[in-house]
Amino acid sequence: MKLHATPREARGIIVIDLSGRVTLGEGSALLRETLRDLLLKGHKKIVLNFADVDYIDSSGIGELVSGFTTVRSHGGELKLLNLTKRVNDILQITRLYTVFDVHSDEQAAAESFR
C-alpha cells in the first residue's frame, strides 16, 4: 500500500496524518518532501500521526531519523503520535524510542510543545 501524507493544522501545530507503508522509494521520499515543504513554509512544530501506518522498513526508519535531524536543524521539533504495534516494536528494537518524543493522544502531543 502506497504512503499517503495529509498535513493539517491543529492547536497551533502541524499534524501529518500518515497512512500506508513507509518504505524504500515513494514512501520515504514522500515523508522527506512533506517535511521539507512544511519547513520551507515556516512550520516548526510538527507531529507525525502513525495511526494508519501498517509497516515501516529500514529505509523508512532512516528517513524518520533524517527528518528528525532536519527539523531540529531548522529550530523545530518533530514528535510522533499513535504508533501502531509494529512501528512501536521497531522503535523499541532499534532503541529509537528514546530519541523521539512519542504520544498516544493528539492533545498531549500539542501541549508538549509549550
PDB file of N, CA and C in Angstrom:
ATOM      1  N   MET A   1       0.825  -1.173   0.000  1.00  0.00           N
ATOM      2  CA  MET A   1       0.000   0.000   0.000  1.00  0.00           C
ATOM      3  C   MET A   1       0.876   1.246   0.000  1.00  0.00           C
ATOM      4  N   LYS A   2       0.601   2.148  -0.874  1.00  0.00           N
ATOM      5  CA  LYS A   2       1.350   3.388  -1.042  1.00  0.00           C
ATOM      6  C   LYS A   2       1.145   4.312   0.172  1.00  0.00           C
ATOM      7  N   LEU A   3       2.165   5.093   0.502  1.00  0.00           N
ATOM      8  CA  LEU A   3       2.071   6.028   1.621  1.00  0.00           C
ATOM      9  C   LEU A   3       1.321   7.280   1.191  1.00  0.00           C
ATOM     10  N   HIS A   4       0.444   7.731   2.081  1.00  0.00           N
ATOM     11  CA  HIS A   4      -0.257   9.000   1.901  1.00  0.00           C
ATOM     12  C   HIS A   4       0.061   9.864   3.108  1.00  0.00           C
ATOM     13  N   ALA A   5       0.321  11.145   2.869  1.00  0.00           N
ATOM     14  CA  ALA A   5       0.627  12.088   3.940  1.00  0.00           C
ATOM     15  C   ALA A   5      -0.283  13.298   3.794  1.00  0.00           C
ATOM     16  N   THR A   6      -1.088  13.547   4.827  1.00  0.00           N
ATOM     17  CA  THR A   6      -2.041  14.647   4.787  1.00  0.00           C
ATOM     18  C   THR A   6      -1.768  15.601   5.946  1.00  0.00           C
ATOM     19  N   PRO A   7      -1.122  16.742   5.657  1.00  0.00           N
ATOM     20  CA  PRO A   7      -0.862  17.714   6.721  1.00  0.00           C
ATOM     21  C   PRO A   7      -2.138  18.486   7.068  1.00  0.00           C
ATOM     22  N   ARG A   8      -2.273  18.808   8.340  1.00  0.00           N
ATOM     23  CA  ARG A   8      -3.379  19.648   8.800  1.00  0.00           C
ATOM     24  C   ARG A   8      -2.911  20.432  10.017  1.00  0.00           C
ATOM     25  N   GLU A   9      -3.528  21.576  10.219  1.00  0.00           N
ATOM     26  CA  GLU A   9      -3.174  22.377  11.379  1.00  0.00           C
ATOM     27  C   GLU A   9      -4.153  22.084  12.503  1.00  0.00           C
ATOM     28  N   ALA A  10      -3.621  21.885  13.684  1.00  0.00           N
ATOM     29  CA  ALA A  10      -4.448  21.604  14.859  1.00  0.00           C
ATOM     30  C   ALA A  10      -3.764  22.148  16.105  1.00  0.00           C
ATOM     31  N   ARG A  11      -4.459  23.004  16.813  1.00  0.00           N
ATOM     32  CA  ARG A  11      -3.936  23.543  18.076  1.00  0.00           C
ATOM     33  C   ARG A  11      -2.587  24.240  17.908  1.00  0.00           C
ATOM     34  N   GLY A  12      -2.395  24.911  16.789  1.00  0.00           N
ATOM     35  CA  GLY A  12      -1.164  25.656  16.562  1.00  0.00           C
ATOM     36  C   GLY A  12       0.026  24.822  16.113  1.00  0.00           C
ATOM     37  N   ILE A  13      -0.201  23.552  15.805  1.00  0.00           N
ATOM     38  CA  ILE A  13       0.873  22.690  15.310  1.00  0.00           C
ATOM     39  C   ILE A  13       0.440  22.088  13.973  1.00  0.00           C
ATOM     40  N   ILE A  14       1.372  21.476  13.287  1.00  0.00           N
ATOM     41  CA  ILE A  14       1.046  20.751  12.063  1.00  0.00           C
ATOM     42  C   ILE A  14       1.074  19.261  12.376  1.00  0.00           C
ATOM     43  N   VAL A  15      -0.038  18.601  12.101  1.00  0.00           N
ATOM     44  CA  VAL A  15      -0.128  17.146  12.256  1.00  0.00           C
ATOM     45  C   VAL A  15      -0.151  16.557  10.851  1.00  0.00           C
ATOM     46  N   ILE A  16       0.757  15.637  10.588  1.00  0.00           N
ATOM     47  CA  ILE A  16       0.775  14.946   9.303  1.00  0.00           C
ATOM     48  C   ILE A  16       0.190  13.558   9.526  1.00  0.00           C
ATOM     49  N   ASP A  17      -1.011  13.360   8.996  1.00  0.00           N
ATOM     50  CA  ASP A  17      -1.656  12.050   9.094  1.00  0.00           C
ATOM     51  C   ASP A  17      -1.071  11.149   8.011  1.00  0.00           C
ATOM     52  N   LEU A  18      -0.402  10.104   8.441  1.00  0.00           N
ATOM     53  CA  LEU A  18       0.215   9.155   7.518  1.00  0.00           C
ATOM     54  C   LEU A  18      -0.652   7.909   7.420  1.00  0.00           C
ATOM     55  N   SER A  19      -0.738   7.342   6.217  1.00  0.00           N
ATOM     56  CA  SER A  19      -1.414   6.060   6.054  1.00  0.00           C
ATOM     57  C   SER A  19      -0.707   5.269   4.969  1.00  0.00           C
ATOM     58  N   GLY A  20      -0.590   3.979   5.195  1.00  0.00           N
ATOM     59  CA  GLY A  20       0.101   3.108   4.247  1.00  0.00           C
ATOM     60  C   GLY A  20       1.402   2.592   4.817  1.00  0.00           C
ATOM     61  N   ARG A  21       2.402   2.500   3.933  1.00  0.00           N
ATOM     62  CA  ARG A  21       3.702   1.948   4.320  1.00  0.00           C
ATOM     63  C   ARG A  21       4.814   2.960   4.075  1.00  0.00           C
ATOM     64  N   VAL A  22       5.696   3.097   5.064  1.00  0.00           N
ATOM     65  CA  VAL A  22       6.860   3.965   4.925  1.00  0.00           C
ATOM     66  C   VAL A  22       8.016   3.054   4.531  1.00  0.00           C
ATOM     67  N   THR A  23       8.256   2.973   3.229  1.00  0.00           N
ATOM     68  CA  THR A  23       9.255   2.038   2.707  1.00  0.00           C
ATOM     69  C   THR A  23      10.156   2.726   1.684  1.00  0.00           C
ATOM     70  N   LEU A  24      11.176   1.998   1.278  1.00  0.00           N
ATOM     71  CA  LEU A  24      12.117   2.473   0.279  1.00  0.00           C
ATOM     72  C   LEU A  24      11.369   2.924  -0.972  1.00  0.00           C
ATOM     73  N   GLY A  25      11.756   4.062  -1.490  1.00  0.00           N
ATOM     74  CA  GLY A  25      11.128   4.564  -2.713  1.00  0.00           C
ATOM     75  C   GLY A  25      10.171   5.694  -2.416  1.00  0.00           C
ATOM     76  N   GLU A  26       8.971   5.583  -2.978  1.00  0.00           N
ATOM     77  CA  GLU A  26       7.991   6.658  -2.864  1.00  0.00           C
ATOM     78  C   GLU A  26       7.614   6.989  -1.427  1.00  0.00           C
ATOM     79  N   GLY A  27       7.508   5.982  -0.575  1.00  0.00           N
ATOM     80  CA  GLY A  27       7.096   6.216   0.807  1.00  0.00           C
ATOM     81  C   GLY A  27       8.056   7.102   1.573  1.00  0.00           C
ATOM     82  N   SER A  28       9.319   6.756   1.548  1.00  0.00           N
ATOM     83  CA  SER A  28      10.283   7.565   2.289  1.00  0.00           C
ATOM     84  C   SER A  28      10.498   8.916   1.613  1.00  0.00           C
ATOM     85  N   ALA A  29      10.415   8.963   0.288  1.00  0.00           N
ATOM     86  CA  ALA A  29      10.567  10.232  -0.438  1.00  0.00           C
ATOM     87  C   ALA A  29       9.416  11.183  -0.100  1.00  0.00           C
ATOM     88  N   LEU A  30       8.203  10.656  -0.006  1.00  0.00           N
ATOM     89  CA  LEU A  30       7.048  11.486   0.329  1.00  0.00           C
ATOM     90  C   LEU A  30       7.194  12.078   1.730  1.00  0.00           C
ATOM     91  N   LEU A  31       7.662  11.295   2.658  1.00  0.00           N
ATOM     92  CA  LEU A  31       7.879  11.787   4.018  1.00  0.00           C
ATOM     93  C   LEU A  31       8.909  12.915   4.010  1.00  0.00           C
ATOM     94  N   ARG A  32      10.013  12.716   3.320  1.00  0.00           N
ATOM     95  CA  ARG A  32      11.078  13.725   3.218  1.00  0.00           C
ATOM     96  C   ARG A  32      10.545  15.011   2.596  1.00  0.00           C
ATOM     97  N   GLU A  33       9.833  14.904   1.483  1.00  0.00           N
ATOM     98  CA  GLU A  33       9.322  16.085   0.778  1.00  0.00           C
ATOM     99  C   GLU A  33       8.275  16.828   1.604  1.00  0.00           C
ATOM    100  N   THR A  34       7.427  16.094   2.280  1.00  0.00           N
ATOM    101  CA  THR A  34       6.393  16.727   3.104  1.00  0.00           C
ATOM    102  C   THR A  34       7.020  17.538   4.231  1.00  0.00           C
ATOM    103  N   LEU A  35       7.993  16.955   4.918  1.00  0.00           N
ATOM    104  CA  LEU A  35       8.678  17.681   5.992  1.00  0.00           C
ATOM    105  C   LEU A  35       9.413  18.901   5.444  1.00  0.00           C
ATOM    106  N   ARG A  36      10.103  18.740   4.337  1.00  0.00           N
ATOM    107  CA  ARG A  36      10.842  19.850   3.734  1.00  0.00           C
ATOM    108  C   ARG A  36       9.905  20.994   3.366  1.00  0.00           C
ATOM    109  N   ASP A  37       8.779  20.675   2.736  1.00  0.00           N
ATOM    110  CA  ASP A  37       7.823  21.707   2.341  1.00  0.00           C
ATOM    111  C   ASP A  37       7.279  22.463   3.547  1.00  0.00           C
ATOM    112  N   LEU A  38       6.982  21.751   4.617  1.00  0.00           N
ATOM    113  CA  LEU A  38       6.470  22.408   5.815  1.00  0.00           C
ATOM    114  C   LEU A  38       7.517  23.329   6.434  1.00  0.00           C
ATOM    115  N   LEU A  39       8.756  22.884   6.455  1.00  0.00           N
ATOM    116  CA  LEU A  39       9.830  23.725   6.998  1.00  0.00           C
ATOM    117  C   LEU A  39      10.025  24.975   6.156  1.00  0.00           C
ATOM    118  N   LEU A  40       9.941  24.831   4.838  1.00  0.00           N
ATOM    119  CA  LEU A  40      10.076  25.990   3.949  1.00  0.00           C
ATOM    120  C   LEU A  40       8.955  27.002   4.165  1.00  0.00           C
ATOM    121  N   LYS A  41       7.795  26.527   4.591  1.00  0.00           N
ATOM    122  CA  LYS A  41       6.659  27.408   4.874  1.00  0.00           C
ATOM    123  C   LYS A  41       6.724  27.995   6.281  1.00  0.00           C
ATOM    124  N   GLY A  42       7.756  27.632   7.032  1.00  0.00           N
ATOM    125  CA  GLY A  42       7.962  28.203   8.356  1.00  0.00           C
ATOM    126  C   GLY A  42       7.367  27.422   9.512  1.00  0.00           C
ATOM    127  N   HIS A  43       6.844  26.243   9.250  1.00  0.00           N
ATOM    128  CA  HIS A  43       6.263  25.433  10.326  1.00  0.00           C
ATOM    129  C   HIS A  43       7.385  24.713  11.080  1.00  0.00           C
ATOM    130  N   LYS A  44       7.377  24.849  12.396  1.00  0.00           N
ATOM    131  CA  LYS A  44       8.452  24.262  13.198  1.00  0.00           C
ATOM    132  C   LYS A  44       7.951  23.277  14.239  1.00  0.00           C
ATOM    133  N   LYS A  45       6.646  23.183  14.420  1.00  0.00           N
ATOM    134  CA  LYS A  45       6.054  22.248  15.386  1.00  0.00           C
ATOM    135  C   LYS A  45       5.287  21.210  14.579  1.00  0.00           C
ATOM    136  N   ILE A  46       5.896  20.027  14.446  1.00  0.00           N
ATOM    137  CA  ILE A  46       5.348  19.004  13.561  1.00  0.00           C
ATOM    138  C   ILE A  46       5.165  17.689  14.308  1.00  0.00           C
ATOM    139  N   VAL A  47       3.999  17.080  14.080  1.00  0.00           N
ATOM    140  CA  VAL A  47       3.682  15.774  14.662  1.00  0.00           C
ATOM    141  C   VAL A  47       3.358  14.813  13.534  1.00  0.00           C
ATOM    142  N   LEU A  48       3.987  13.658  13.551  1.00  0.00           N
ATOM    143  CA  LEU A  48       3.683  12.602  12.578  1.00  0.00           C
ATOM    144  C   LEU A  48       2.715  11.628  13.219  1.00  0.00           C
ATOM    145  N   ASN A  49       1.526  11.508  12.636  1.00  0.00           N
ATOM    146  CA  ASN A  49       0.496  10.607  13.157  1.00  0.00           C
ATOM    147  C   ASN A  49       0.590   9.272  12.419  1.00  0.00           C
ATOM    148  N   PHE A  50       1.030   8.245  13.128  1.00  0.00           N
ATOM    149  CA  PHE A  50       1.256   6.914  12.550  1.00  0.00           C
ATOM    150  C   PHE A  50       0.065   5.972  12.725  1.00  0.00           C
ATOM    151  N   ALA A  51      -1.104   6.486  13.074  1.00  0.00           N
ATOM    152  CA  ALA A  51      -2.258   5.628  13.386  1.00  0.00           C
ATOM    153  C   ALA A  51      -2.591   4.651  12.261  1.00  0.00           C
ATOM    154  N   ASP A  52      -2.390   5.047  11.009  1.00  0.00           N
ATOM    155  CA  ASP A  52      -2.745   4.189   9.876  1.00  0.00           C
ATOM    156  C   ASP A  52      -1.536   3.669   9.100  1.00  0.00           C
ATOM    157  N   VAL A  53      -0.367   3.663   9.749  1.00  0.00           N
ATOM    158  CA  VAL A  53       0.839   3.115   9.119  1.00  0.00           C
ATOM    159  C   VAL A  53       0.975   1.667   9.550  1.00  0.00           C
ATOM    160  N   ASP A  54       0.918   0.761   8.582  1.00  0.00           N
ATOM    161  CA  ASP A  54       0.972  -0.657   8.947  1.00  0.00           C
ATOM    162  C   ASP A  54       2.361  -1.265   8.821  1.00  0.00           C
ATOM    163  N   TYR A  55       3.317  -0.519   8.234  1.00  0.00           N
ATOM    164  CA  TYR A  55       4.653  -1.080   8.060  1.00  0.00           C
ATOM    165  C   TYR A  55       5.660   0.042   7.837  1.00  0.00           C
ATOM    166  N   ILE A  56       6.841  -0.147   8.394  1.00  0.00           N
ATOM    167  CA  ILE A  56       7.954   0.766   8.136  1.00  0.00           C
ATOM    168  C   ILE A  56       9.207  -0.094   8.009  1.00  0.00           C
ATOM    169  N   ASP A  57       9.974   0.122   6.934  1.00  0.00           N
ATOM    170  CA  ASP A  57      11.191  -0.667   6.745  1.00  0.00           C
ATOM    171  C   ASP A  57      12.407   0.147   7.172  1.00  0.00           C
ATOM    172  N   SER A  58      13.602  -0.406   6.973  1.00  0.00           N
ATOM    173  CA  SER A  58      14.824   0.276   7.415  1.00  0.00           C
ATOM    174  C   SER A  58      15.018   1.609   6.705  1.00  0.00           C
ATOM    175  N   SER A  59      14.612   1.692   5.455  1.00  0.00           N
ATOM    176  CA  SER A  59      14.694   2.957   4.732  1.00  0.00           C
ATOM    177  C   SER A  59      13.758   3.990   5.350  1.00  0.00           C
ATOM    178  N   GLY A  60      12.569   3.542   5.735  1.00  0.00           N
ATOM    179  CA  GLY A  60      11.618   4.429   6.398  1.00  0.00           C
ATOM    180  C   GLY A  60      12.131   4.910   7.740  1.00  0.00           C
ATOM    181  N   ILE A  61      12.765   4.013   8.486  1.00  0.00           N
ATOM    182  CA  ILE A  61      13.365   4.395   9.774  1.00  0.00           C
ATOM    183  C   ILE A  61      14.469   5.426   9.530  1.00  0.00           C
ATOM    184  N   GLY A  62      15.291   5.180   8.520  1.00  0.00           N
ATOM    185  CA  GLY A  62      16.355   6.128   8.184  1.00  0.00           C
ATOM    186  C   GLY A  62      15.794   7.487   7.821  1.00  0.00           C
ATOM    187  N   GLU A  63      14.713   7.504   7.070  1.00  0.00           N
ATOM    188  CA  GLU A  63      14.082   8.760   6.680  1.00  0.00           C
ATOM    189  C   GLU A  63      13.470   9.468   7.881  1.00  0.00           C
ATOM    190  N   LEU A  64      12.943   8.701   8.807  1.00  0.00           N
ATOM    191  CA  LEU A  64      12.385   9.265  10.036  1.00  0.00           C
ATOM    192  C   LEU A  64      13.477   9.958  10.853  1.00  0.00           C
ATOM    193  N   VAL A  65      14.615   9.299  10.992  1.00  0.00           N
ATOM    194  CA  VAL A  65      15.746   9.882  11.721  1.00  0.00           C
ATOM    195  C   VAL A  65      16.269  11.116  10.989  1.00  0.00           C
ATOM    196  N   SER A  66      16.372  11.019   9.662  1.00  0.00           N
ATOM    197  CA  SER A  66      16.821  12.157   8.867  1.00  0.00           C
ATOM    198  C   SER A  66      15.864  13.340   9.008  1.00  0.00           C
ATOM    199  N   GLY A  67      14.568  13.054   8.987  1.00  0.00           N
ATOM    200  CA  GLY A  67      13.568  14.106   9.157  1.00  0.00           C
ATOM    201  C   GLY A  67      13.669  14.764  10.516  1.00  0.00           C
ATOM    202  N   PHE A  68      13.890  13.956  11.539  1.00  0.00           N
ATOM    203  CA  PHE A  68      14.066  14.465  12.894  1.00  0.00           C
ATOM    204  C   PHE A  68      15.250  15.427  12.947  1.00  0.00           C
ATOM    205  N   THR A  69      16.357  15.027  12.339  1.00  0.00           N
ATOM    206  CA  THR A  69      17.569  15.846  12.321  1.00  0.00           C
ATOM    207  C   THR A  69      17.349  17.138  11.535  1.00  0.00           C
ATOM    208  N   THR A  70      16.682  17.036  10.402  1.00  0.00           N
ATOM    209  CA  THR A  70      16.423  18.207   9.564  1.00  0.00           C
ATOM    210  C   THR A  70      15.533  19.212  10.287  1.00  0.00           C
ATOM    211  N   VAL A  71      14.477  18.730  10.902  1.00  0.00           N
ATOM    212  CA  VAL A  71      13.570  19.623  11.624  1.00  0.00           C
ATOM    213  C   VAL A  71      14.315  20.303  12.771  1.00  0.00           C
ATOM    214  N   ARG A  72      15.100  19.548  13.491  1.00  0.00           N
ATOM    215  CA  ARG A  72      15.893  20.121  14.595  1.00  0.00           C
ATOM    216  C   ARG A  72      16.871  21.176  14.094  1.00  0.00           C
ATOM    217  N   SER A  73      17.519  20.917  12.957  1.00  0.00           N
ATOM    218  CA  SER A  73      18.497  21.872  12.435  1.00  0.00           C
ATOM    219  C   SER A  73      17.837  23.174  11.971  1.00  0.00           C
ATOM    220  N   HIS A  74      16.538  23.133  11.744  1.00  0.00           N
ATOM    221  CA  HIS A  74      15.783  24.343  11.381  1.00  0.00           C
ATOM    222  C   HIS A  74      15.124  24.979  12.609  1.00  0.00           C
ATOM    223  N   GLY A  75      15.493  24.515  13.792  1.00  0.00           N
ATOM    224  CA  GLY A  75      14.968  25.086  15.027  1.00  0.00           C
ATOM    225  C   GLY A  75      13.582  24.589  15.398  1.00  0.00           C
ATOM    226  N   GLY A  76      13.186  23.467  14.833  1.00  0.00           N
ATOM    227  CA  GLY A  76      11.860  22.938  15.106  1.00  0.00           C
ATOM    228  C   GLY A  76      11.892  21.681  15.945  1.00  0.00           C
ATOM    229  N   GLU A  77      10.695  21.128  16.144  1.00  0.00           N
ATOM    230  CA  GLU A  77      10.551  19.881  16.892  1.00  0.00           C
ATOM    231  C   GLU A  77       9.666  18.925  16.100  1.00  0.00           C
ATOM    232  N   LEU A  78      10.044  17.655  16.103  1.00  0.00           N
ATOM    233  CA  LEU A  78       9.273  16.609  15.439  1.00  0.00           C
ATOM    234  C   LEU A  78       8.889  15.566  16.478  1.00  0.00           C
ATOM    235  N   LYS A  79       7.590  15.300  16.592  1.00  0.00           N
ATOM    236  CA  LYS A  79       7.107  14.333  17.567  1.00  0.00           C
ATOM    237  C   LYS A  79       6.284  13.271  16.850  1.00  0.00           C
ATOM    238  N   LEU A  80       6.126  12.124  17.484  1.00  0.00           N
ATOM    239  CA  LEU A  80       5.390  11.006  16.903  1.00  0.00           C
ATOM    240  C   LEU A  80       4.106  10.764  17.692  1.00  0.00           C
ATOM    241  N   LEU A  81       3.069  10.329  16.965  1.00  0.00           N
ATOM    242  CA  LEU A  81       1.749  10.144  17.563  1.00  0.00           C
ATOM    243  C   LEU A  81       1.142   8.832  17.100  1.00  0.00           C
ATOM    244  N   ASN A  82       0.441   8.169  18.004  1.00  0.00           N
ATOM    245  CA  ASN A  82      -0.359   6.979  17.683  1.00  0.00           C
ATOM    246  C   ASN A  82       0.423   5.886  16.947  1.00  0.00           C
ATOM    247  N   LEU A  83       1.531   5.472  17.516  1.00  0.00           N
ATOM    248  CA  LEU A  83       2.307   4.412  16.882  1.00  0.00           C
ATOM    249  C   LEU A  83       1.528   3.104  16.886  1.00  0.00           C
ATOM    250  N   THR A  84       1.521   2.437  15.747  1.00  0.00           N
ATOM    251  CA  THR A  84       0.929   1.102  15.699  1.00  0.00           C
ATOM    252  C   THR A  84       1.879   0.142  16.416  1.00  0.00           C
ATOM    253  N   LYS A  85       1.404  -1.041  16.752  1.00  0.00           N
ATOM    254  CA  LYS A  85       2.242  -2.003  17.461  1.00  0.00           C
ATOM    255  C   LYS A  85       3.516  -2.304  16.689  1.00  0.00           C
ATOM    256  N   ARG A  86       3.395  -2.517  15.386  1.00  0.00           N
ATOM    257  CA  ARG A  86       4.558  -2.848  14.562  1.00  0.00           C
ATOM    258  C   ARG A  86       5.597  -1.718  14.569  1.00  0.00           C
ATOM    259  N   VAL A  87       5.153  -0.475  14.388  1.00  0.00           N
ATOM    260  CA  VAL A  87       6.080   0.658  14.384  1.00  0.00           C
ATOM    261  C   VAL A  87       6.683   0.842  15.773  1.00  0.00           C
ATOM    262  N   ASN A  88       5.869   0.704  16.800  1.00  0.00           N
ATOM    263  CA  ASN A  88       6.364   0.811  18.168  1.00  0.00           C
ATOM    264  C   ASN A  88       7.437  -0.245  18.441  1.00  0.00           C
ATOM    265  N   ASP A  89       7.183  -1.477  18.027  1.00  0.00           N
ATOM    266  CA  ASP A  89       8.152  -2.556  18.235  1.00  0.00           C
ATOM    267  C   ASP A  89       9.478  -2.254  17.540  1.00  0.00           C
ATOM    268  N   ILE A  90       9.410  -1.730  16.332  1.00  0.00           N
ATOM    269  CA  ILE A  90      10.643  -1.412  15.592  1.00  0.00           C
ATOM    270  C   ILE A  90      11.413  -0.302  16.294  1.00  0.00           C
ATOM    271  N   LEU A  91      10.706   0.709  16.778  1.00  0.00           N
ATOM    272  CA  LEU A  91      11.395   1.779  17.502  1.00  0.00           C
ATOM    273  C   LEU A  91      11.996   1.276  18.812  1.00  0.00           C
ATOM    274  N   GLN A  92      11.348   0.307  19.447  1.00  0.00           N
ATOM    275  CA  GLN A  92      11.891  -0.280  20.677  1.00  0.00           C
ATOM    276  C   GLN A  92      13.153  -1.090  20.368  1.00  0.00           C
ATOM    277  N   ILE A  93      13.086  -1.921  19.336  1.00  0.00           N
ATOM    278  CA  ILE A  93      14.223  -2.778  18.967  1.00  0.00           C
ATOM    279  C   ILE A  93      15.441  -1.937  18.587  1.00  0.00           C
ATOM    280  N   THR A  94      15.216  -0.861  17.841  1.00  0.00           N
ATOM    281  CA  THR A  94      16.318  -0.004  17.392  1.00  0.00           C
ATOM    282  C   THR A  94      16.734   1.022  18.440  1.00  0.00           C
ATOM    283  N   ARG A  95      16.013   1.031  19.546  1.00  0.00           N
ATOM    284  CA  ARG A  95      16.246   1.976  20.642  1.00  0.00           C
ATOM    285  C   ARG A  95      16.005   3.429  20.240  1.00  0.00           C
ATOM    286  N   LEU A  96      15.322   3.637  19.138  1.00  0.00           N
ATOM    287  CA  LEU A  96      14.987   4.994  18.715  1.00  0.00           C
ATOM    288  C   LEU A  96      13.829   5.561  19.523  1.00  0.00           C
ATOM    289  N   TYR A  97      13.158   4.708  20.267  1.00  0.00           N
ATOM    290  CA  TYR A  97      12.064   5.156  21.113  1.00  0.00           C
ATOM    291  C   TYR A  97      12.551   6.205  22.108  1.00  0.00           C
ATOM    292  N   THR A  98      13.830   6.114  22.493  1.00  0.00           N
ATOM    293  CA  THR A  98      14.393   7.073  23.447  1.00  0.00           C
ATOM    294  C   THR A  98      14.755   8.398  22.782  1.00  0.00           C
ATOM    295  N   VAL A  99      14.858   8.405  21.454  1.00  0.00           N
ATOM    296  CA  VAL A  99      15.220   9.623  20.721  1.00  0.00           C
ATOM    297  C   VAL A  99      13.984  10.484  20.467  1.00  0.00           C
ATOM    298  N   PHE A 100      12.886   9.847  20.102  1.00  0.00           N
ATOM    299  CA  PHE A 100      11.674  10.560  19.718  1.00  0.00           C
ATOM    300  C   PHE A 100      10.760  10.801  20.908  1.00  0.00           C
ATOM    301  N   ASP A 101      10.055  11.917  20.846  1.00  0.00           N
ATOM    302  CA  ASP A 101       9.009  12.222  21.813  1.00  0.00           C
ATOM    303  C   ASP A 101       7.738  11.590  21.255  1.00  0.00           C
ATOM    304  N   VAL A 102       7.254  10.524  21.900  1.00  0.00           N
ATOM    305  CA  VAL A 102       6.136   9.728  21.394  1.00  0.00           C
ATOM    306  C   VAL A 102       4.900   9.950  22.265  1.00  0.00           C
ATOM    307  N   HIS A 103       3.749  10.164  21.605  1.00  0.00           N
ATOM    308  CA  HIS A 103       2.493  10.393  22.317  1.00  0.00           C
ATOM    309  C   HIS A 103       1.400   9.486  21.762  1.00  0.00           C
ATOM    310  N   SER A 104       0.411   9.207  22.581  1.00  0.00           N
ATOM    311  CA  SER A 104      -0.735   8.418  22.131  1.00  0.00           C
ATOM    312  C   SER A 104      -1.995   9.265  22.058  1.00  0.00           C
ATOM    313  N   ASP A 105      -1.881  10.547  22.406  1.00  0.00           N
ATOM    314  CA  ASP A 105      -3.015  11.461  22.407  1.00  0.00           C
ATOM    315  C   ASP A 105      -2.597  12.762  21.717  1.00  0.00           C
ATOM    316  N   GLU A 106      -3.399  13.202  20.746  1.00  0.00           N
ATOM    317  CA  GLU A 106      -3.047  14.400  19.975  1.00  0.00           C
ATOM    318  C   GLU A 106      -2.981  15.648  20.843  1.00  0.00           C
ATOM    319  N   GLN A 107      -3.888  15.774  21.776  1.00  0.00           N
ATOM    320  CA  GLN A 107      -3.877  16.947  22.645  1.00  0.00           C
ATOM    321  C   GLN A 107      -2.604  16.985  23.493  1.00  0.00           C
ATOM    322  N   ALA A 108      -2.196  15.835  24.019  1.00  0.00           N
ATOM    323  CA  ALA A 108      -0.962  15.774  24.809  1.00  0.00           C
ATOM    324  C   ALA A 108       0.247  16.121  23.952  1.00  0.00           C
ATOM    325  N   ALA A 109       0.235  15.669  22.703  1.00  0.00           N
ATOM    326  CA  ALA A 109       1.338  15.988  21.794  1.00  0.00           C
ATOM    327  C   ALA A 109       1.404  17.494  21.558  1.00  0.00           C
ATOM    328  N   ALA A 110       0.250  18.119  21.324  1.00  0.00           N
ATOM    329  CA  ALA A 110       0.207  19.569  21.103  1.00  0.00           C
ATOM    330  C   ALA A 110       0.689  20.319  22.327  1.00  0.00           C
ATOM    331  N   GLU A 111       0.255  19.892  23.495  1.00  0.00           N
ATOM    332  CA  GLU A 111       0.648  20.576  24.734  1.00  0.00           C
ATOM    333  C   GLU A 111       2.128  20.392  25.041  1.00  0.00           C
ATOM    334  N   SER A 112       2.733  19.340  24.536  1.00  0.00           N
ATOM    335  CA  SER A 112       4.156  19.085  24.822  1.00  0.00           C
ATOM    336  C   SER A 112       5.074  20.112  24.142  1.00  0.00           C
ATOM    337  N   PHE A 113       4.557  20.866  23.192  1.00  0.00           N
ATOM    338  CA  PHE A 113       5.367  21.892  22.528  1.00  0.00           C
ATOM    339  C   PHE A 113       5.486  23.145  23.394  1.00  0.00           C
ATOM    340  N   ARG A 114       4.626  23.285  24.371  1.00  0.00           N
ATOM    341  CA  ARG A 114       4.632  24.511  25.200  1.00  0.00           C
ATOM    342  C   ARG A 114       5.720  24.476  26.233  1.00  0.00           C
TER     343      ARG A 114
END
